[in-house]
Amino acid sequence: MLLKLLLVFCAFVGCLSAEDFEENLGGSGSFNEYIAYTRASENGRVGVPFNTTTESIEAVNFNNTLTTTFIVHGHQGTATTSLNPTVKDAILTDEDANVIIVDWSQYSLQSYENAVKAVPSVGTYLAEMIQALVTANATTLEQVHLVGFDLGAHVVGYAGRTLNGQVARITGLDPVRRSWGENTPRLNINDAKYVEVIHTDTGGVFPNGIGSPLGHADFYPNGGGSQPGCLLHRPCCHNRAWEYFAASITHGHLQGNQCSSLLQMNLNRCRGFLHPMGSNGLSKLGSGIYRLNTKGTYPYLLTWF
């Protein structure tokens, strides 16, 4: 009875019962919804829902010469979570691109444990959508950038893995730690040709984010723990990952010094070469551990380099 109570959602959000959840878990990604934004769609203000059918894809009028960026929210996220419009608007203000918001809220709004169970299927179905776009000549794998926050970072990891690591880039925004230890299929360096991770909530007794390096380039703003301006508000540090990412697109100003080790990073003694954090670019080459220090207010830049 308790399990049923935990798994039953309010009817007004179209949620799944306990029986529905168990029955549909393997196909949970089939509930994914995709909303496309381009500068042509009223300058990015109006989203166009679409699915994997050729007719639906063609109706969006994707420009196959542009970068195609997918944004994937985390646990408790939806299509309208602040992450999505903030990052989407930053991209379309900076460049002409195909931006696709992935809404997997049928499962992300479940308990954390159930959302975790849904991640493999959500990621696999996302990969199928990407392949459908490639087949329809709407994009190529070399033009795809997958951006995932919290559990969404592991979703895009699954998607990239399903596509044999051939997507151009993945950006993991503070990949969530709980249930994703070293021996789990979490986001990793092999999931795309270039994997970048921004760690912002890895300190304290109960950190939200994973503290160990996961990608080709791992950035630790302010050491990856307590973030300026966040005080004791824990979700603030976690959310800073996508806030920094959006600011990096708009301003192109956040850079980190390479560190020789996590210890040097934690001691704030990194003096290696500078490497830009974030952006929507597909041609990044730097690798290693990087630290940068920020202000507590937008656009977060502490020092001009």
C-alpha atoms as a PDB file:
ATOM      1  CA  MET A   1       0.000   0.000   0.000  1.00  0.00           C
ATOM      2  CA  LEU A   2       2.790   2.424   0.882  1.00  0.00           C
ATOM      3  CA  LEU A   3       4.535   1.721  -2.417  1.00  0.00           C
ATOM      4  CA  LYS A   4       1.320   2.461  -4.274  1.00  0.00           C
ATOM      5  CA  LEU A   5       0.896   5.721  -2.432  1.00  0.00           C
ATOM      6  CA  LEU A   6       4.437   6.724  -3.343  1.00  0.00           C
ATOM      7  CA  LEU A   7       3.958   5.860  -6.992  1.00  0.00           C
ATOM      8  CA  VAL A   8       0.548   7.385  -7.673  1.00  0.00           C
ATOM      9  CA  PHE A   9       0.566  10.871  -9.157  1.00  0.00           C
ATOM     10  CA  CYS A  10      -2.071  13.558  -9.249  1.00  0.00           C
ATOM     11  CA  ALA A  11      -4.359  13.188 -12.257  1.00  0.00           C
ATOM     12  CA  PHE A  12      -3.888  16.788 -13.333  1.00  0.00           C
ATOM     13  CA  VAL A  13      -0.309  16.108 -14.428  1.00  0.00           C
ATOM     14  CA  GLY A  14      -1.184  12.876 -16.204  1.00  0.00           C
ATOM     15  CA  CYS A  15       0.872  10.672 -13.920  1.00  0.00           C
ATOM     16  CA  LEU A  16       1.332   6.936 -13.729  1.00  0.00           C
ATOM     17  CA  SER A  17      -0.008   4.529 -11.131  1.00  0.00           C
ATOM     18  CA  ALA A  18       2.162   1.901  -9.452  1.00  0.00           C
ATOM     19  CA  GLU A  19       0.925  -0.771 -11.856  1.00  0.00           C
ATOM     20  CA  ASP A  20       1.540   1.476 -14.855  1.00  0.00           C
ATOM     21  CA  PHE A  21       5.042   2.234 -13.628  1.00  0.00           C
ATOM     22  CA  GLU A  22       6.075  -1.396 -13.264  1.00  0.00           C
ATOM     23  CA  GLU A  23       4.490  -2.320 -16.591  1.00  0.00           C
ATOM     24  CA  ASN A  24       6.029   0.543 -18.555  1.00  0.00           C
ATOM     25  CA  LEU A  25       9.437   0.857 -16.894  1.00  0.00           C
ATOM     26  CA  GLY A  26      11.285  -0.856 -19.735  1.00  0.00           C
ATOM     27  CA  GLY A  27       9.677   1.521 -22.209  1.00  0.00           C
ATOM     28  CA  SER A  28       9.685   4.600 -20.024  1.00  0.00           C
ATOM     29  CA  GLY A  29      11.586   6.515 -22.679  1.00  0.00           C
ATOM     30  CA  SER A  30       8.605   6.125 -24.989  1.00  0.00           C
ATOM     31  CA  PHE A  31       6.974   8.836 -22.872  1.00  0.00           C
ATOM     32  CA  ASN A  32       9.709  11.311 -23.828  1.00  0.00           C
ATOM     33  CA  GLU A  33       8.419  14.487 -25.412  1.00  0.00           C
ATOM     34  CA  TYR A  34      10.528  16.651 -27.716  1.00  0.00           C
ATOM     35  CA  ILE A  35      10.064  20.359 -28.340  1.00  0.00           C
ATOM     36  CA  ALA A  36      12.145  22.087 -31.010  1.00  0.00           C
ATOM     37  CA  TYR A  37      13.167  25.738 -31.038  1.00  0.00           C
ATOM     38  CA  THR A  38      14.958  27.647 -33.779  1.00  0.00           C
ATOM     39  CA  ARG A  39      15.377  31.298 -34.623  1.00  0.00           C
ATOM     40  CA  ALA A  40      12.825  30.709 -37.366  1.00  0.00           C
ATOM     41  CA  SER A  41      10.151  29.770 -34.798  1.00  0.00           C
ATOM     42  CA  GLU A  42       9.332  33.353 -33.832  1.00  0.00           C
ATOM     43  CA  ASN A  43      12.960  33.921 -32.860  1.00  0.00           C
ATOM     44  CA  GLY A  44      12.970  30.924 -30.542  1.00  0.00           C
ATOM     45  CA  ARG A  45       9.913  31.914 -28.524  1.00  0.00           C
ATOM     46  CA  VAL A  46       7.592  29.217 -29.857  1.00  0.00           C
ATOM     47  CA  GLY A  47       8.401  25.532 -29.516  1.00  0.00           C
ATOM     48  CA  VAL A  48       7.317  22.893 -32.016  1.00  0.00           C
ATOM     49  CA  PRO A  49       6.541  19.431 -30.575  1.00  0.00           C
ATOM     50  CA  PHE A  50       7.632  16.555 -32.788  1.00  0.00           C
ATOM     51  CA  ASN A  51       8.251  12.811 -32.777  1.00  0.00           C
ATOM     52  CA  THR A  52      10.336  10.263 -34.656  1.00  0.00           C
ATOM     53  CA  THR A  53       8.174  10.111 -37.785  1.00  0.00           C
ATOM     54  CA  THR A  54       9.621  11.632 -40.928  1.00  0.00           C
ATOM     55  CA  GLU A  55       6.535  13.799 -41.421  1.00  0.00           C
ATOM     56  CA  SER A  56       6.811  15.226 -37.922  1.00  0.00           C
ATOM     57  CA  ILE A  57      10.530  15.939 -38.279  1.00  0.00           C
ATOM     58  CA  GLU A  58      10.071  17.614 -41.653  1.00  0.00           C
ATOM     59  CA  ALA A  59       7.383  19.876 -40.181  1.00  0.00           C
ATOM     60  CA  VAL A  60       9.959  21.428 -37.842  1.00  0.00           C
ATOM     61  CA  ASN A  61      12.136  22.639 -40.730  1.00  0.00           C
ATOM     62  CA  PHE A  62      15.452  21.854 -39.061  1.00  0.00           C
ATOM     63  CA  ASN A  63      18.484  23.473 -40.655  1.00  0.00           C
ATOM     64  CA  ASN A  64      20.898  20.580 -41.115  1.00  0.00           C
ATOM     65  CA  THR A  65      23.915  22.880 -41.374  1.00  0.00           C
ATOM     66  CA  LEU A  66      23.536  24.053 -37.768  1.00  0.00           C
ATOM     67  CA  THR A  67      24.440  22.595 -34.381  1.00  0.00           C
ATOM     68  CA  THR A  68      21.615  20.545 -32.859  1.00  0.00           C
ATOM     69  CA  THR A  69      21.583  20.829 -29.071  1.00  0.00           C
ATOM     70  CA  PHE A  70      19.422  18.663 -26.811  1.00  0.00           C
ATOM     71  CA  ILE A  71      18.706  19.875 -23.262  1.00  0.00           C
ATOM     72  CA  VAL A  72      17.727  17.219 -20.715  1.00  0.00           C
ATOM     73  CA  HIS A  73      16.427  18.146 -17.260  1.00  0.00           C
ATOM     74  CA  GLY A  74      16.954  16.171 -14.066  1.00  0.00           C
ATOM     75  CA  HIS A  75      14.869  14.747 -11.237  1.00  0.00           C
ATOM     76  CA  GLN A  76      11.724  16.803 -10.552  1.00  0.00           C
ATOM     77  CA  GLY A  77      12.273  18.685 -13.802  1.00  0.00           C
ATOM     78  CA  THR A  78       9.788  19.355 -16.606  1.00  0.00           C
ATOM     79  CA  ALA A  79       9.774  21.057 -20.001  1.00  0.00           C
ATOM     80  CA  THR A  80       9.274  24.423 -18.302  1.00  0.00           C
ATOM     81  CA  THR A  81      11.935  24.049 -15.593  1.00  0.00           C
ATOM     82  CA  SER A  82      14.109  27.206 -15.484  1.00  0.00           C
ATOM     83  CA  LEU A  83      17.078  25.275 -16.871  1.00  0.00           C
ATOM     84  CA  ASN A  84      15.389  24.818 -20.241  1.00  0.00           C
ATOM     85  CA  PRO A  85      14.387  28.362 -21.250  1.00  0.00           C
ATOM     86  CA  THR A  86      17.558  29.802 -19.725  1.00  0.00           C
ATOM     87  CA  VAL A  87      19.917  27.594 -21.729  1.00  0.00           C
ATOM     88  CA  LYS A  88      17.731  27.603 -24.835  1.00  0.00           C
ATOM     89  CA  ASP A  89      17.526  31.393 -24.917  1.00  0.00           C
ATOM     90  CA  ALA A  90      21.265  31.742 -24.311  1.00  0.00           C
ATOM     91  CA  ILE A  91      22.020  29.510 -27.295  1.00  0.00           C
ATOM     92  CA  LEU A  92      19.570  31.133 -29.702  1.00  0.00           C
ATOM     93  CA  THR A  93      20.672  34.625 -28.690  1.00  0.00           C
ATOM     94  CA  ASP A  94      24.278  33.704 -29.387  1.00  0.00           C
ATOM     95  CA  GLU A  95      23.843  31.667 -32.564  1.00  0.00           C
ATOM     96  CA  ASP A  96      21.406  30.184 -35.021  1.00  0.00           C
ATOM     97  CA  ALA A  97      20.911  26.579 -33.929  1.00  0.00           C
ATOM     98  CA  ASN A  98      18.436  23.745 -33.560  1.00  0.00           C
ATOM     99  CA  VAL A  99      17.595  23.471 -29.856  1.00  0.00           C
ATOM    100  CA  ILE A 100      15.508  20.569 -28.592  1.00  0.00           C
ATOM    101  CA  ILE A 101      14.127  20.316 -25.073  1.00  0.00           C
ATOM    102  CA  VAL A 102      13.615  16.747 -23.884  1.00  0.00           C
ATOM    103  CA  ASP A 103      10.735  16.372 -21.435  1.00  0.00           C
ATOM    104  CA  TRP A 104      10.779  13.087 -19.518  1.00  0.00           C
ATOM    105  CA  SER A 105       8.647  14.351 -16.647  1.00  0.00           C
ATOM    106  CA  GLN A 106       6.353  11.314 -16.666  1.00  0.00           C
ATOM    107  CA  TYR A 107       9.228   9.623 -14.832  1.00  0.00           C
ATOM    108  CA  SER A 108      11.376  12.459 -13.512  1.00  0.00           C
ATOM    109  CA  LEU A 109       8.458  13.540 -11.317  1.00  0.00           C
ATOM    110  CA  GLN A 110       8.314  10.103  -9.736  1.00  0.00           C
ATOM    111  CA  SER A 111      10.357   9.311  -6.619  1.00  0.00           C
ATOM    112  CA  TYR A 112      14.124   9.591  -7.045  1.00  0.00           C
ATOM    113  CA  GLU A 113      14.498   5.808  -7.030  1.00  0.00           C
ATOM    114  CA  ASN A 114      11.940   5.376  -9.804  1.00  0.00           C
ATOM    115  CA  ALA A 115      13.445   8.193 -11.850  1.00  0.00           C
ATOM    116  CA  VAL A 116      16.847   6.480 -11.628  1.00  0.00           C
ATOM    117  CA  LYS A 117      15.327   3.226 -12.896  1.00  0.00           C
ATOM    118  CA  ALA A 118      13.893   5.062 -15.883  1.00  0.00           C
ATOM    119  CA  VAL A 119      17.185   6.672 -16.950  1.00  0.00           C
ATOM    120  CA  PRO A 120      18.440   3.831 -19.220  1.00  0.00           C
ATOM    121  CA  SER A 121      15.206   3.722 -21.205  1.00  0.00           C
ATOM    122  CA  VAL A 122      14.892   7.505 -21.397  1.00  0.00           C
ATOM    123  CA  GLY A 123      18.443   7.705 -22.735  1.00  0.00           C
ATOM    124  CA  THR A 124      17.943   4.876 -25.200  1.00  0.00           C
ATOM    125  CA  TYR A 125      14.797   6.439 -26.623  1.00  0.00           C
ATOM    126  CA  LEU A 126      16.614   9.758 -26.882  1.00  0.00           C
ATOM    127  CA  ALA A 127      19.261   7.995 -28.963  1.00  0.00           C
ATOM    128  CA  GLU A 128      16.496   6.661 -31.218  1.00  0.00           C
ATOM    129  CA  MET A 129      15.221  10.196 -31.719  1.00  0.00           C
ATOM    130  CA  ILE A 130      18.710  11.399 -32.621  1.00  0.00           C
ATOM    131  CA  GLN A 131      19.065   8.556 -35.104  1.00  0.00           C
ATOM    132  CA  ALA A 132      15.671   9.431 -36.592  1.00  0.00           C
ATOM    133  CA  LEU A 133      16.869  13.003 -37.140  1.00  0.00           C
ATOM    134  CA  VAL A 134      20.029  11.719 -38.807  1.00  0.00           C
ATOM    135  CA  THR A 135      18.014   9.380 -41.030  1.00  0.00           C
ATOM    136  CA  ALA A 136      15.725  12.262 -42.013  1.00  0.00           C
ATOM    137  CA  ASN A 137      18.800  14.350 -42.915  1.00  0.00           C
ATOM    138  CA  ALA A 138      17.875  16.898 -40.247  1.00  0.00           C
ATOM    139  CA  THR A 139      21.301  16.686 -38.593  1.00  0.00           C
ATOM    140  CA  THR A 140      24.399  14.505 -38.281  1.00  0.00           C
ATOM    141  CA  LEU A 141      26.029  12.967 -35.231  1.00  0.00           C
ATOM    142  CA  GLU A 142      28.948  15.341 -35.787  1.00  0.00           C
ATOM    143  CA  GLN A 143      26.569  18.265 -35.201  1.00  0.00           C
ATOM    144  CA  VAL A 144      24.907  16.969 -32.028  1.00  0.00           C
ATOM    145  CA  HIS A 145      25.541  18.432 -28.564  1.00  0.00           C
ATOM    146  CA  LEU A 146      23.802  16.719 -25.628  1.00  0.00           C
ATOM    147  CA  VAL A 147      23.408  18.799 -22.465  1.00  0.00           C
ATOM    148  CA  GLY A 148      22.140  17.107 -19.314  1.00  0.00           C
ATOM    149  CA  PHE A 149      21.640  18.370 -15.769  1.00  0.00           C
ATOM    150  CA  ASP A 150      21.459  16.223 -12.609  1.00  0.00           C
ATOM    151  CA  LEU A 151      19.967  12.852 -13.657  1.00  0.00           C
ATOM    152  CA  GLY A 152      19.774  14.286 -17.159  1.00  0.00           C
ATOM    153  CA  ALA A 153      23.573  14.048 -17.335  1.00  0.00           C
ATOM    154  CA  HIS A 154      23.306  10.274 -17.040  1.00  0.00           C
ATOM    155  CA  VAL A 155      20.424  10.234 -19.536  1.00  0.00           C
ATOM    156  CA  VAL A 156      22.618  11.886 -22.173  1.00  0.00           C
ATOM    157  CA  GLY A 157      25.392   9.485 -21.229  1.00  0.00           C
ATOM    158  CA  TYR A 158      23.123   6.567 -22.084  1.00  0.00           C
ATOM    159  CA  ALA A 159      22.085   8.239 -25.316  1.00  0.00           C
ATOM    160  CA  GLY A 160      25.672   8.823 -26.363  1.00  0.00           C
ATOM    161  CA  ARG A 161      26.658   5.284 -25.425  1.00  0.00           C
ATOM    162  CA  THR A 162      23.787   3.861 -27.457  1.00  0.00           C
ATOM    163  CA  LEU A 163      25.156   5.795 -30.428  1.00  0.00           C
ATOM    164  CA  ASN A 164      28.609   4.282 -29.856  1.00  0.00           C
ATOM    165  CA  GLY A 165      30.096   7.509 -28.526  1.00  0.00           C
ATOM    166  CA  GLN A 166      29.861   9.163 -31.927  1.00  0.00           C
ATOM    167  CA  VAL A 167      27.947  12.323 -31.014  1.00  0.00           C
ATOM    168  CA  ALA A 168      30.180  15.369 -31.168  1.00  0.00           C
ATOM    169  CA  ARG A 169      29.829  16.548 -27.599  1.00  0.00           C
ATOM    170  CA  ILE A 170      28.191  15.952 -24.236  1.00  0.00           C
ATOM    171  CA  THR A 171      28.080  18.496 -21.425  1.00  0.00           C
ATOM    172  CA  GLY A 172      27.218  17.092 -18.007  1.00  0.00           C
ATOM    173  CA  LEU A 173      25.930  19.744 -15.610  1.00  0.00           C
ATOM    174  CA  ASP A 174      26.646  18.584 -12.060  1.00  0.00           C
ATOM    175  CA  PRO A 175      25.808  14.906 -12.691  1.00  0.00           C
ATOM    176  CA  VAL A 176      23.935  13.611  -9.679  1.00  0.00           C
ATOM    177  CA  ARG A 177      25.890  11.386  -7.289  1.00  0.00           C
ATOM    178  CA  ARG A 178      23.301   9.285  -5.445  1.00  0.00           C
ATOM    179  CA  SER A 179      22.963   5.795  -6.991  1.00  0.00           C
ATOM    180  CA  TRP A 180      25.750   6.545  -9.499  1.00  0.00           C
ATOM    181  CA  GLY A 181      28.944   5.189  -7.982  1.00  0.00           C
ATOM    182  CA  GLU A 182      32.116   4.213  -9.806  1.00  0.00           C
ATOM    183  CA  ASN A 183      30.816   0.810 -10.890  1.00  0.00           C
ATOM    184  CA  THR A 184      27.566   2.068 -12.386  1.00  0.00           C
ATOM    185  CA  PRO A 185      26.792   3.058 -16.000  1.00  0.00           C
ATOM    186  CA  ARG A 186      27.023   6.757 -15.234  1.00  0.00           C
ATOM    187  CA  LEU A 187      28.176   9.453 -17.638  1.00  0.00           C
ATOM    188  CA  ASN A 188      31.743   8.759 -18.736  1.00  0.00           C
ATOM    189  CA  ILE A 189      34.468   9.882 -21.103  1.00  0.00           C
ATOM    190  CA  ASN A 190      33.537   7.350 -23.800  1.00  0.00           C
ATOM    191  CA  ASP A 191      29.962   8.548 -24.288  1.00  0.00           C
ATOM    192  CA  ALA A 192      30.859  11.209 -26.884  1.00  0.00           C
ATOM    193  CA  LYS A 193      33.828  12.420 -28.869  1.00  0.00           C
ATOM    194  CA  TYR A 194      34.157  15.198 -26.306  1.00  0.00           C
ATOM    195  CA  VAL A 195      32.694  15.074 -22.809  1.00  0.00           C
ATOM    196  CA  GLU A 196      32.782  18.143 -20.576  1.00  0.00           C
ATOM    197  CA  VAL A 197      31.535  18.181 -16.994  1.00  0.00           C
ATOM    198  CA  ILE A 198      30.825  21.154 -14.724  1.00  0.00           C
ATOM    199  CA  HIS A 199      30.890  20.230 -11.014  1.00  0.00           C
ATOM    200  CA  THR A 200      29.211  22.691  -8.630  1.00  0.00           C
ATOM    201  CA  ASP A 201      27.800  20.742  -5.672  1.00  0.00           C
ATOM    202  CA  THR A 202      30.380  18.158  -4.636  1.00  0.00           C
ATOM    203  CA  GLY A 203      31.247  19.341  -1.118  1.00  0.00           C
ATOM    204  CA  GLY A 204      29.766  18.920   2.322  1.00  0.00           C
ATOM    205  CA  VAL A 205      28.237  15.903   4.012  1.00  0.00           C
ATOM    206  CA  PHE A 206      25.485  15.247   1.462  1.00  0.00           C
ATOM    207  CA  PRO A 207      26.623  16.574  -1.920  1.00  0.00           C
ATOM    208  CA  ASN A 208      24.264  16.356  -4.877  1.00  0.00           C
ATOM    209  CA  GLY A 209      26.958  16.071  -7.517  1.00  0.00           C
ATOM    210  CA  ILE A 210      29.738  13.616  -8.348  1.00  0.00           C
ATOM    211  CA  GLY A 211      33.141  14.918  -7.289  1.00  0.00           C
ATOM    212  CA  SER A 212      35.423  12.704  -9.370  1.00  0.00           C
ATOM    213  CA  PRO A 213      36.398  13.561 -12.954  1.00  0.00           C
ATOM    214  CA  LEU A 214      34.117  11.970 -15.552  1.00  0.00           C
ATOM    215  CA  GLY A 215      34.979  13.524 -18.900  1.00  0.00           C
ATOM    216  CA  HIS A 216      37.734  14.801 -21.123  1.00  0.00           C
ATOM    217  CA  ALA A 217      37.534  18.149 -19.333  1.00  0.00           C
ATOM    218  CA  ASP A 218      36.167  18.554 -15.802  1.00  0.00           C
ATOM    219  CA  PHE A 219      35.580  22.059 -14.451  1.00  0.00           C
ATOM    220  CA  TYR A 220      35.298  22.829 -10.741  1.00  0.00           C
ATOM    221  CA  PRO A 221      34.030  26.390 -10.244  1.00  0.00           C
ATOM    222  CA  ASN A 222      35.098  27.594  -6.797  1.00  0.00           C
ATOM    223  CA  GLY A 223      36.435  24.128  -6.064  1.00  0.00           C
ATOM    224  CA  GLY A 224      33.196  22.405  -7.019  1.00  0.00           C
ATOM    225  CA  GLY A 225      31.622  22.796  -3.587  1.00  0.00           C
ATOM    226  CA  SER A 226      30.039  25.828  -1.981  1.00  0.00           C
ATOM    227  CA  GLN A 227      29.206  28.429  -4.614  1.00  0.00           C
ATOM    228  CA  PRO A 228      29.347  32.200  -3.961  1.00  0.00           C
ATOM    229  CA  GLY A 229      25.918  33.681  -3.412  1.00  0.00           C
ATOM    230  CA  CYS A 230      24.327  30.400  -2.409  1.00  0.00           C
ATOM    231  CA  LEU A 231      24.836  30.533   1.373  1.00  0.00           C
ATOM    232  CA  LEU A 232      23.003  27.568   2.950  1.00  0.00           C
ATOM    233  CA  HIS A 233      20.564  27.007   0.084  1.00  0.00           C
ATOM    234  CA  ARG A 234      21.750  23.611  -1.158  1.00  0.00           C
ATOM    235  CA  PRO A 235      19.889  23.412  -4.481  1.00  0.00           C
ATOM    236  CA  CYS A 236      21.456  26.759  -5.384  1.00  0.00           C
ATOM    237  CA  CYS A 237      24.919  25.189  -5.671  1.00  0.00           C
ATOM    238  CA  HIS A 238      23.538  22.347  -7.780  1.00  0.00           C
ATOM    239  CA  ASN A 239      21.702  24.744 -10.103  1.00  0.00           C
ATOM    240  CA  ARG A 240      24.766  26.924 -10.521  1.00  0.00           C
ATOM    241  CA  ALA A 241      26.027  24.351 -13.056  1.00  0.00           C
ATOM    242  CA  TRP A 242      23.432  25.287 -15.658  1.00  0.00           C
ATOM    243  CA  GLU A 243      23.512  28.956 -14.672  1.00  0.00           C
ATOM    244  CA  TYR A 244      27.276  29.087 -15.300  1.00  0.00           C
ATOM    245  CA  PHE A 245      26.806  27.144 -18.530  1.00  0.00           C
ATOM    246  CA  ALA A 246      24.198  29.589 -19.835  1.00  0.00           C
ATOM    247  CA  ALA A 247      26.378  32.561 -18.853  1.00  0.00           C
ATOM    248  CA  SER A 248      29.342  31.014 -20.677  1.00  0.00           C
ATOM    249  CA  ILE A 249      27.308  30.906 -23.884  1.00  0.00           C
ATOM    250  CA  THR A 250      26.093  34.482 -23.595  1.00  0.00           C
ATOM    251  CA  HIS A 251      29.405  36.022 -22.565  1.00  0.00           C
ATOM    252  CA  GLY A 252      32.115  33.488 -23.507  1.00  0.00           C
ATOM    253  CA  HIS A 253      34.138  34.623 -20.527  1.00  0.00           C
ATOM    254  CA  LEU A 254      34.470  31.800 -17.991  1.00  0.00           C
ATOM    255  CA  GLN A 255      37.857  30.085 -18.135  1.00  0.00           C
ATOM    256  CA  GLY A 256      39.593  27.654 -15.851  1.00  0.00           C
ATOM    257  CA  ASN A 257      43.259  27.023 -15.067  1.00  0.00           C
ATOM    258  CA  GLN A 258      44.387  23.455 -15.574  1.00  0.00           C
ATOM    259  CA  CYS A 259      45.238  21.570 -12.383  1.00  0.00           C
ATOM    260  CA  SER A 260      47.742  18.761 -11.953  1.00  0.00           C
ATOM    261  CA  SER A 261      45.465  16.950  -9.488  1.00  0.00           C
ATOM    262  CA  LEU A 262      42.240  17.196  -7.517  1.00  0.00           C
ATOM    263  CA  LEU A 263      44.340  18.121  -4.484  1.00  0.00           C
ATOM    264  CA  GLN A 264      45.821  21.113  -6.286  1.00  0.00           C
ATOM    265  CA  MET A 265      42.323  22.057  -7.417  1.00  0.00           C
ATOM    266  CA  ASN A 266      40.962  21.863  -3.863  1.00  0.00           C
ATOM    267  CA  LEU A 267      43.846  24.008  -2.602  1.00  0.00           C
ATOM    268  CA  ASN A 268      43.117  26.603  -5.296  1.00  0.00           C
ATOM    269  CA  ARG A 269      46.680  26.400  -6.602  1.00  0.00           C
ATOM    270  CA  CYS A 270      46.025  25.602 -10.246  1.00  0.00           C
ATOM    271  CA  ARG A 271      48.305  27.584 -12.546  1.00  0.00           C
ATOM    272  CA  GLY A 272      48.094  25.600 -15.775  1.00  0.00           C
ATOM    273  CA  PHE A 273      46.934  26.909 -19.125  1.00  0.00           C
ATOM    274  CA  LEU A 274      43.509  28.469 -19.458  1.00  0.00           C
ATOM    275  CA  HIS A 275      40.637  26.613 -21.065  1.00  0.00           C
ATOM    276  CA  PRO A 276      37.135  28.006 -21.688  1.00  0.00           C
ATOM    277  CA  MET A 277      34.318  26.412 -19.730  1.00  0.00           C
ATOM    278  CA  GLY A 278      30.952  25.767 -21.318  1.00  0.00           C
ATOM    279  CA  SER A 279      29.781  27.268 -24.634  1.00  0.00           C
ATOM    280  CA  ASN A 280      27.815  25.436 -27.313  1.00  0.00           C
ATOM    281  CA  GLY A 281      30.822  24.817 -29.533  1.00  0.00           C
ATOM    282  CA  LEU A 282      31.606  21.427 -31.030  1.00  0.00           C
ATOM    283  CA  SER A 283      35.353  21.814 -31.596  1.00  0.00           C
ATOM    284  CA  LYS A 284      36.725  21.876 -28.041  1.00  0.00           C
ATOM    285  CA  LEU A 285      39.987  20.009 -27.521  1.00  0.00           C
ATOM    286  CA  GLY A 286      41.281  20.643 -23.993  1.00  0.00           C
ATOM    287  CA  SER A 287      41.449  17.870 -21.422  1.00  0.00           C
ATOM    288  CA  GLY A 288      42.115  17.539 -17.717  1.00  0.00           C
ATOM    289  CA  ILE A 289      40.942  19.103 -14.463  1.00  0.00           C
ATOM    290  CA  TYR A 290      40.259  22.845 -14.327  1.00  0.00           C
ATOM    291  CA  ARG A 291      39.433  25.325 -11.599  1.00  0.00           C
ATOM    292  CA  LEU A 292      37.970  28.799 -11.865  1.00  0.00           C
ATOM    293  CA  ASN A 293      36.632  31.193  -9.254  1.00  0.00           C
ATOM    294  CA  THR A 294      33.484  33.215  -9.756  1.00  0.00           C
ATOM    295  CA  LYS A 295      31.378  35.962  -8.269  1.00  0.00           C
ATOM    296  CA  GLY A 296      28.050  35.175  -6.665  1.00  0.00           C
ATOM    297  CA  THR A 297      26.034  37.215  -9.151  1.00  0.00           C
ATOM    298  CA  TYR A 298      25.430  37.019 -12.895  1.00  0.00           C
ATOM    299  CA  PRO A 299      27.420  36.912 -15.127  1.00  0.00           C
ATOM    300  CA  TYR A 300      29.672  35.422 -12.404  1.00  0.00           C
ATOM    301  CA  LEU A 301      33.018  36.577 -13.790  1.00  0.00           C
ATOM    302  CA  LEU A 302      35.519  37.287 -11.006  1.00  0.00           C
ATOM    303  CA  THR A 303      38.507  38.393 -13.078  1.00  0.00           C
ATOM    304  CA  TRP A 304      38.954  39.218 -16.739  1.00  0.00           C
ATOM    305  CA  PHE A 305      41.770  37.122 -18.171  1.00  0.00           C
END
